[in-house]
Amino acid sequence: MTSSDRKSEILDVAKRIFAERGIKNTTVRQIGTEAGILSGSLYHHFDSKLDMVDDILGSFCEEVLDCYRGISESGDSGVERLQNMVRYAVSLIDQHRASLVMIQTDSAELILDPRFGYLVEFNAEVERHWIEAITDGIRDGSFRSSIDPAMTYRFTRDAILGANSWFEPSRGRSLSAVADELTRALLHGITER
């Protein structure tokens, strides 16, 4: 196994433990034990526990922003971009559940450390992409002019992040179905027409 492979393996273990116990409540020793490596040997790969957190969240944020930028630059209408953002954001529950949990539970404390200032910028850029799509939908008449784009984004974001805590693939519903249901509720409401 290469050093890079071992580092990735350690990060996978760390990510899971951080999500389960919280960053503050996780020790390097616990990560080492779960990874089958002496905690002192972890320092061959990382200078500190926060270096592991930074690797995990930094790469997560970069991947997410790359995708949102692609959706925003697609030339699609506001409605289509909103639909694509819902699908992508919901897919993160499967692909990056632990990173989402880490951000949800620990970012308020992490952003007190200047090295994690990118989390504030990350949240602001994600919100900007959503608000631009909603605003474009208002401009072209697809969405009601009376909606508040920022509030609509926050309701949608919280619905998606909430699904991270209750969604279980074993219960017969796919994440695609969750994304479709949320998109229908957003675009058409829940009342009979």
Foldseek 3Di string as FASTA:
>chain_A
DDPVVLLVLLLVLLLVCCLVQNLVRDDLCNSCVVSVHHSVVVCVVPVGSVRSVCVLLVVVLVVLLVVLVCLLPVPDALLVSLLVNLLVLLVCLVVPLSSLSRCVPPVVPVCVDVVSVVSVVSVVSVLVSQLVSVVRCCVVPQDPVPDDSSVLVVVSNVVSSVCSVVDDVVVPDDSNNVSVVSSCCSRPNDDDD
